[in-house]
Amino acid sequence: MKNLKQRLLLVLKGAAMGAADVVPGVSGGTVAFITGIYRELIETISGINIAAFRTLLKEGVPAFWKAINGNFILALGVGMFLSIITLARIISDLLQSNPVAVWAFFFGLVAASIPLVARRAEVWNAKAWFTFGLGAVAAFLVTELPVVEDPGADWYLFISGSVAICAMILPGVSGSFILLLMGSYLTVLDAVNDRDFLKIAVFAAGAVFGLLSFSRVLKWMFNRYHDLTIAVLSGFLLGSLNKIWPWKNPLQSVVKHPGTDREKVVILEEEKVWPWNYFELTGGDAILFEAVLLCLAGIAVIFAVDRLAAVKR
């Protein structure tokens, strides 16, 4: 019964990660950190290596499944899959109809997670605070980067997949946002919609390469510089608040689909504004009172999740 309860909890955490990945500007890695499974997630991904496949050949599927922490992967994967297929449309619609409300909730969620993540560092000395500041500045600058043009080459799509997947497992950095910055967002979207399996395969190969490589770097950082790694990741969360500020004026632009004459209007930049200027610039309702309540609700959810994370798997 205890194992069943723990697995259901993992499924719920996976569902939360999937829901976060649907929101541009919020990372599933943030939720993984908040829910206390980030370290295990990194170690599990980095454990998928040649040695594990040798175990498969020599000792069979049960030993291989145990070596790659298969139950953990399965539970998270099921949760993420169920969340994406059930919540993606709902969250997307809410972002269209009530953007301030959605962003306010996630702003509270991420803001409240910063001290909860930071407390996992054993010592906060000058080096840790300096590293925290570097992480915050780096994440802030990433959210302010200009969009570049996709050259339409397969090698660039491979690199885009590698970089985007790294962003997805970093707290505070959105993989979909990175794809937009690199100019590959529409390329990937078109490949999926047009069922261009060659482009999908190239992108997926890049994602697998980036995931397996970067997870090893993160594992090494945790093992060698645990407190500094916690500090820089906490800084990422702080810097990412720039992207999820609730009141912003979307600056739209017409973007050409790489390699075609088709065009699409997308939001390439969002100008942060004060709530009292929101209606004048956008024509939308700032819903200040409701936004504050939703921000507090996000904070409350984080503390509730923190309690759940204390449950030993």
Protein backbone atom coordinates (compact mmCIF):
# COMPACT_ATOMS: atom_id res chain seq x y z
CA MET A 1 0.00 0.00 0.00
CA LYS A 2 2.86 2.32 0.85
CA ASN A 3 4.53 1.70 -2.51
CA LEU A 4 1.25 2.38 -4.29
CA LYS A 5 0.85 5.66 -2.41
CA GLN A 6 4.40 6.71 -3.27
CA ARG A 7 3.94 5.85 -6.94
CA LEU A 8 0.69 7.79 -7.12
CA LEU A 9 2.50 10.74 -5.57
CA LEU A 10 5.17 10.47 -8.26
CA VAL A 11 2.45 10.41 -10.94
CA LEU A 12 1.01 13.62 -9.47
CA LYS A 13 4.45 15.24 -9.49
CA GLY A 14 4.89 14.20 -13.12
CA ALA A 15 1.48 15.71 -13.90
CA ALA A 16 2.59 18.98 -12.31
CA MET A 17 5.76 18.94 -14.42
CA GLY A 18 3.72 18.37 -17.57
CA ALA A 19 1.37 21.22 -16.71
CA ALA A 20 4.32 23.56 -16.15
CA ASP A 21 5.91 22.64 -19.48
CA VAL A 22 2.70 23.70 -21.24
CA VAL A 23 3.15 27.27 -19.98
CA PRO A 24 5.77 29.23 -21.97
CA GLY A 25 8.20 30.68 -19.44
CA VAL A 26 7.72 27.98 -16.79
CA SER A 27 9.93 24.90 -16.67
CA GLY A 28 9.11 21.36 -15.63
CA GLY A 29 12.51 21.42 -13.95
CA THR A 30 11.17 24.10 -11.60
CA VAL A 31 8.38 21.78 -10.46
CA ALA A 32 10.81 18.88 -10.10
CA PHE A 33 12.95 21.00 -7.78
CA ILE A 34 9.96 22.24 -5.80
CA THR A 35 8.60 18.73 -5.28
CA GLY A 36 11.92 17.34 -4.11
CA ILE A 37 12.65 14.95 -6.99
CA TYR A 38 15.13 17.03 -8.98
CA ARG A 39 18.28 15.30 -7.73
CA GLU A 40 16.81 11.84 -8.36
CA LEU A 41 15.62 12.95 -11.80
CA ILE A 42 19.12 14.08 -12.79
CA GLU A 43 20.78 10.94 -11.43
CA THR A 44 18.20 8.73 -13.15
CA ILE A 45 18.71 10.37 -16.55
CA SER A 46 22.51 10.25 -16.23
CA GLY A 47 22.23 6.57 -15.30
CA ILE A 48 20.91 5.68 -18.76
CA ASN A 49 24.27 4.76 -20.28
CA ILE A 50 26.21 1.98 -21.96
CA ALA A 51 26.69 0.17 -18.66
CA ALA A 52 22.92 -0.03 -18.21
CA PHE A 53 22.48 -1.61 -21.65
CA ARG A 54 25.25 -4.07 -20.87
CA THR A 55 23.22 -5.03 -17.83
CA LEU A 56 20.25 -5.61 -20.15
CA LEU A 57 22.26 -7.98 -22.33
CA LYS A 58 23.89 -9.86 -19.45
CA GLU A 59 21.21 -9.95 -16.75
CA GLY A 60 17.93 -9.30 -18.56
CA VAL A 61 15.08 -6.82 -18.36
CA PRO A 62 14.43 -6.86 -14.57
CA ALA A 63 18.04 -5.94 -13.76
CA PHE A 64 18.07 -3.29 -16.52
CA TRP A 65 14.78 -1.82 -15.27
CA LYS A 66 16.22 -1.53 -11.78
CA ALA A 67 19.49 -0.05 -13.09
CA ILE A 68 17.72 2.80 -14.89
CA ASN A 69 15.24 3.39 -12.02
CA GLY A 70 12.43 2.35 -14.33
CA ASN A 71 9.59 2.68 -11.83
CA PHE A 72 10.54 6.32 -11.25
CA ILE A 73 10.68 7.05 -14.99
CA LEU A 74 7.39 5.27 -15.65
CA ALA A 75 5.49 7.06 -12.88
CA LEU A 76 6.75 10.50 -13.93
CA GLY A 77 6.18 9.74 -17.61
CA VAL A 78 2.59 8.63 -17.02
CA GLY A 79 1.87 11.76 -14.99
CA MET A 80 3.39 14.08 -17.60
CA PHE A 81 1.57 12.36 -20.46
CA LEU A 82 -1.81 12.47 -18.73
CA SER A 83 -1.28 16.09 -17.76
CA ILE A 84 -0.29 17.23 -21.23
CA ILE A 85 -3.20 15.53 -23.00
CA THR A 86 -5.76 16.76 -20.43
CA LEU A 87 -4.47 20.15 -19.34
CA ALA A 88 -2.64 21.50 -22.39
CA ARG A 89 -5.76 22.80 -24.11
CA ILE A 90 -7.23 24.17 -20.85
CA ILE A 91 -4.06 26.07 -19.91
CA SER A 92 -3.60 27.34 -23.47
CA ASP A 93 -7.18 28.63 -23.52
CA LEU A 94 -6.72 30.30 -20.12
CA LEU A 95 -3.55 31.99 -21.34
CA GLN A 96 -5.57 33.42 -24.21
CA SER A 97 -8.64 34.46 -22.20
CA ASN A 98 -7.16 35.30 -18.77
CA PRO A 99 -3.39 35.80 -19.17
CA VAL A 100 -2.95 38.01 -16.10
CA ALA A 101 -4.65 35.46 -13.85
CA VAL A 102 -2.54 32.56 -15.12
CA TRP A 103 0.73 34.47 -14.91
CA ALA A 104 -0.11 35.79 -11.43
CA PHE A 105 -0.64 32.24 -10.14
CA PHE A 106 2.65 31.02 -11.60
CA PHE A 107 4.47 34.14 -10.40
CA GLY A 108 3.44 33.32 -6.83
CA LEU A 109 4.32 29.68 -7.34
CA VAL A 110 7.88 30.38 -8.57
CA ALA A 111 8.53 33.24 -6.13
CA ALA A 112 7.57 31.10 -3.13
CA SER A 113 9.75 28.25 -4.34
CA ILE A 114 12.98 30.31 -4.19
CA PRO A 115 13.51 30.14 -0.40
CA LEU A 116 12.36 26.51 -0.29
CA VAL A 117 14.96 25.53 -2.90
CA ALA A 118 17.67 27.75 -1.41
CA ARG A 119 17.35 26.20 2.05
CA ARG A 120 18.67 22.91 0.65
CA ALA A 121 22.14 24.41 0.57
CA GLU A 122 23.91 23.60 3.83
CA VAL A 123 26.07 26.73 3.91
CA TRP A 124 25.32 30.18 2.49
CA ASN A 125 28.64 31.97 2.37
CA ALA A 126 30.02 34.73 0.13
CA LYS A 127 30.66 32.29 -2.73
CA ALA A 128 27.11 30.95 -2.55
CA TRP A 129 25.58 34.43 -2.59
CA PHE A 130 27.82 35.46 -5.49
CA THR A 131 26.81 32.34 -7.43
CA PHE A 132 23.16 33.03 -6.60
CA GLY A 133 23.54 36.50 -8.09
CA LEU A 134 25.20 35.14 -11.22
CA GLY A 135 22.35 32.67 -11.72
CA ALA A 136 19.74 35.41 -11.30
CA VAL A 137 21.49 37.74 -13.75
CA ALA A 138 22.00 34.92 -16.28
CA ALA A 139 18.32 33.90 -16.21
CA PHE A 140 17.21 37.54 -16.45
CA LEU A 141 19.45 38.16 -19.46
CA VAL A 142 18.15 35.01 -21.16
CA THR A 143 14.59 36.33 -20.87
CA GLU A 144 15.71 39.55 -22.56
CA LEU A 145 17.57 37.97 -25.49
CA PRO A 146 16.46 38.90 -29.03
CA VAL A 147 15.05 36.27 -31.36
CA VAL A 148 17.42 34.94 -34.03
CA GLU A 149 16.50 33.57 -37.45
CA ASP A 150 16.40 29.82 -38.07
CA PRO A 151 18.67 28.97 -41.04
CA GLY A 152 16.48 25.93 -41.77
CA ALA A 153 19.37 23.45 -41.60
CA ASP A 154 19.14 20.05 -39.93
CA TRP A 155 22.29 20.69 -37.88
CA TYR A 156 20.65 23.78 -36.38
CA LEU A 157 17.52 21.80 -35.56
CA PHE A 158 19.70 19.22 -33.79
CA ILE A 159 21.38 21.96 -31.75
CA SER A 160 18.00 23.52 -30.97
CA GLY A 161 16.78 20.23 -29.58
CA SER A 162 19.92 19.85 -27.46
CA VAL A 163 19.70 23.35 -26.00
CA ALA A 164 15.92 23.33 -25.46
CA ILE A 165 15.92 20.04 -23.55
CA CYS A 166 18.71 21.37 -21.29
CA ALA A 167 16.51 24.38 -20.55
CA MET A 168 13.57 22.13 -19.72
CA ILE A 169 15.46 20.41 -16.90
CA LEU A 170 16.86 23.68 -15.52
CA PRO A 171 14.66 25.37 -12.91
CA GLY A 172 13.39 28.72 -14.10
CA VAL A 173 14.17 28.28 -17.81
CA SER A 174 11.50 27.30 -20.34
CA GLY A 175 12.44 24.99 -23.20
CA SER A 176 9.69 26.33 -25.44
CA PHE A 177 10.90 29.88 -24.76
CA ILE A 178 14.45 28.88 -25.76
CA LEU A 179 13.11 27.37 -28.99
CA LEU A 180 11.37 30.67 -29.71
CA LEU A 181 14.58 32.62 -29.07
CA MET A 182 16.53 30.31 -31.40
CA GLY A 183 13.90 30.74 -34.11
CA SER A 184 13.12 27.01 -34.17
CA TYR A 185 9.72 27.07 -32.46
CA LEU A 186 7.73 27.25 -35.70
CA THR A 187 10.03 24.71 -37.37
CA VAL A 188 9.29 22.15 -34.68
CA LEU A 189 5.60 23.03 -34.62
CA ASP A 190 5.35 22.65 -38.40
CA ALA A 191 7.22 19.34 -38.29
CA VAL A 192 4.73 17.96 -35.78
CA ASN A 193 1.66 19.30 -37.59
CA ASP A 194 2.93 18.15 -41.01
CA ARG A 195 4.17 14.83 -39.63
CA ASP A 196 7.63 15.49 -41.01
CA PHE A 197 9.21 12.50 -39.29
CA LEU A 198 12.71 13.31 -40.56
CA LYS A 199 12.76 16.71 -38.85
CA ILE A 200 11.11 15.25 -35.76
CA ALA A 201 13.80 12.56 -35.62
CA VAL A 202 16.60 15.14 -35.97
CA PHE A 203 15.10 17.27 -33.21
CA ALA A 204 14.52 14.23 -30.98
CA ALA A 205 18.11 13.04 -31.52
CA GLY A 206 19.37 16.45 -30.43
CA ALA A 207 17.10 16.37 -27.40
CA VAL A 208 18.34 12.92 -26.35
CA PHE A 209 21.96 13.97 -26.82
CA GLY A 210 21.47 17.16 -24.81
CA LEU A 211 19.53 15.43 -22.05
CA LEU A 212 22.02 12.62 -21.50
CA SER A 213 25.03 14.96 -21.73
CA PHE A 214 23.73 17.80 -19.59
CA SER A 215 22.34 15.51 -16.89
CA ARG A 216 25.87 14.19 -16.36
CA VAL A 217 27.17 17.74 -15.99
CA LEU A 218 24.49 18.54 -13.42
CA LYS A 219 25.17 15.31 -11.53
CA TRP A 220 28.88 16.15 -11.40
CA MET A 221 28.06 19.66 -10.16
CA PHE A 222 25.81 18.31 -7.40
CA ASN A 223 28.46 15.82 -6.30
CA ARG A 224 31.37 18.29 -6.34
CA TYR A 225 29.74 21.64 -5.60
CA HIS A 226 26.38 20.88 -4.01
CA ASP A 227 25.77 24.20 -2.24
CA LEU A 228 26.98 26.34 -5.15
CA THR A 229 24.78 24.37 -7.54
CA ILE A 230 21.76 24.93 -5.30
CA ALA A 231 22.67 28.63 -5.17
CA VAL A 232 22.91 29.09 -8.93
CA LEU A 233 19.68 27.17 -9.56
CA SER A 234 17.92 29.29 -6.94
CA GLY A 235 19.23 32.33 -8.78
CA PHE A 236 17.75 30.99 -12.01
CA LEU A 237 14.35 30.94 -10.33
CA LEU A 238 14.70 34.55 -9.21
CA GLY A 239 15.83 35.74 -12.64
CA SER A 240 13.02 33.88 -14.38
CA LEU A 241 10.42 36.00 -12.58
CA ASN A 242 11.11 38.63 -15.24
CA LYS A 243 9.53 36.33 -17.83
CA ILE A 244 6.39 35.52 -15.82
CA TRP A 245 5.52 39.01 -14.58
CA PRO A 246 1.69 39.01 -14.86
CA TRP A 247 1.16 42.39 -16.54
CA LYS A 248 2.80 42.63 -19.93
CA ASN A 249 2.08 44.12 -23.31
CA PRO A 250 2.60 41.49 -26.02
CA LEU A 251 4.55 42.83 -28.98
CA GLN A 252 3.49 40.75 -31.96
CA SER A 253 5.42 40.16 -35.15
CA VAL A 254 4.85 38.34 -38.42
CA VAL A 255 7.29 35.45 -38.73
CA LYS A 256 7.93 33.43 -41.88
CA HIS A 257 8.00 29.67 -41.58
CA PRO A 258 11.56 28.55 -42.47
CA GLY A 259 11.84 27.33 -46.06
CA THR A 260 8.31 28.44 -47.03
CA ASP A 261 6.34 31.55 -47.90
CA ARG A 262 3.85 30.95 -45.09
CA GLU A 263 3.62 33.52 -42.32
CA LYS A 264 2.27 33.47 -38.80
CA VAL A 265 1.71 36.14 -36.17
CA VAL A 266 3.58 35.23 -32.99
CA ILE A 267 4.53 37.05 -29.80
CA LEU A 268 8.28 37.57 -29.98
CA GLU A 269 8.58 39.97 -27.06
CA GLU A 270 6.49 41.02 -24.09
CA GLU A 271 6.96 44.44 -22.56
CA LYS A 272 6.54 44.38 -18.78
CA VAL A 273 4.14 47.10 -17.55
CA TRP A 274 2.73 48.24 -14.23
CA PRO A 275 -0.83 47.11 -13.42
CA TRP A 276 -2.15 50.69 -13.54
CA ASN A 277 -0.82 51.10 -17.09
CA TYR A 278 -2.07 47.73 -18.32
CA PHE A 279 -5.50 48.82 -19.59
CA GLU A 280 -4.13 51.90 -21.35
CA LEU A 281 -1.53 49.86 -23.27
CA THR A 282 -3.41 46.62 -23.92
CA GLY A 283 -7.09 47.36 -23.43
CA GLY A 284 -7.31 44.47 -20.98
CA ASP A 285 -8.48 44.41 -17.37
CA ALA A 286 -5.58 44.41 -14.89
CA ILE A 287 -7.75 42.51 -12.32
CA LEU A 288 -5.30 43.61 -9.62
CA PHE A 289 -7.27 42.24 -6.67
CA GLU A 290 -7.87 38.86 -8.32
CA ALA A 291 -4.24 38.68 -9.45
CA VAL A 292 -2.99 39.25 -5.89
CA LEU A 293 -5.30 36.51 -4.63
CA LEU A 294 -4.08 34.10 -7.30
CA CYS A 295 -0.48 34.98 -6.51
CA LEU A 296 -1.16 34.13 -2.87
CA ALA A 297 -2.87 30.92 -4.02
CA GLY A 298 0.31 29.99 -5.91
CA ILE A 299 2.33 30.60 -2.75
CA ALA A 300 -0.09 28.44 -0.75
CA VAL A 301 0.20 25.63 -3.31
CA ILE A 302 3.99 25.67 -3.00
CA PHE A 303 3.88 25.29 0.76
CA ALA A 304 1.34 22.47 0.39
CA VAL A 305 3.57 20.75 -2.18
CA ASP A 306 6.53 21.21 0.14
CA ARG A 307 4.63 19.26 2.79
CA LEU A 308 3.92 16.49 0.29
CA ALA A 309 7.56 16.41 -0.76
CA ALA A 310 8.44 15.44 2.80
CA VAL A 311 6.76 12.09 2.20
CA LYS A 312 9.57 9.57 1.72
CA ARG A 313 9.48 7.68 -1.52
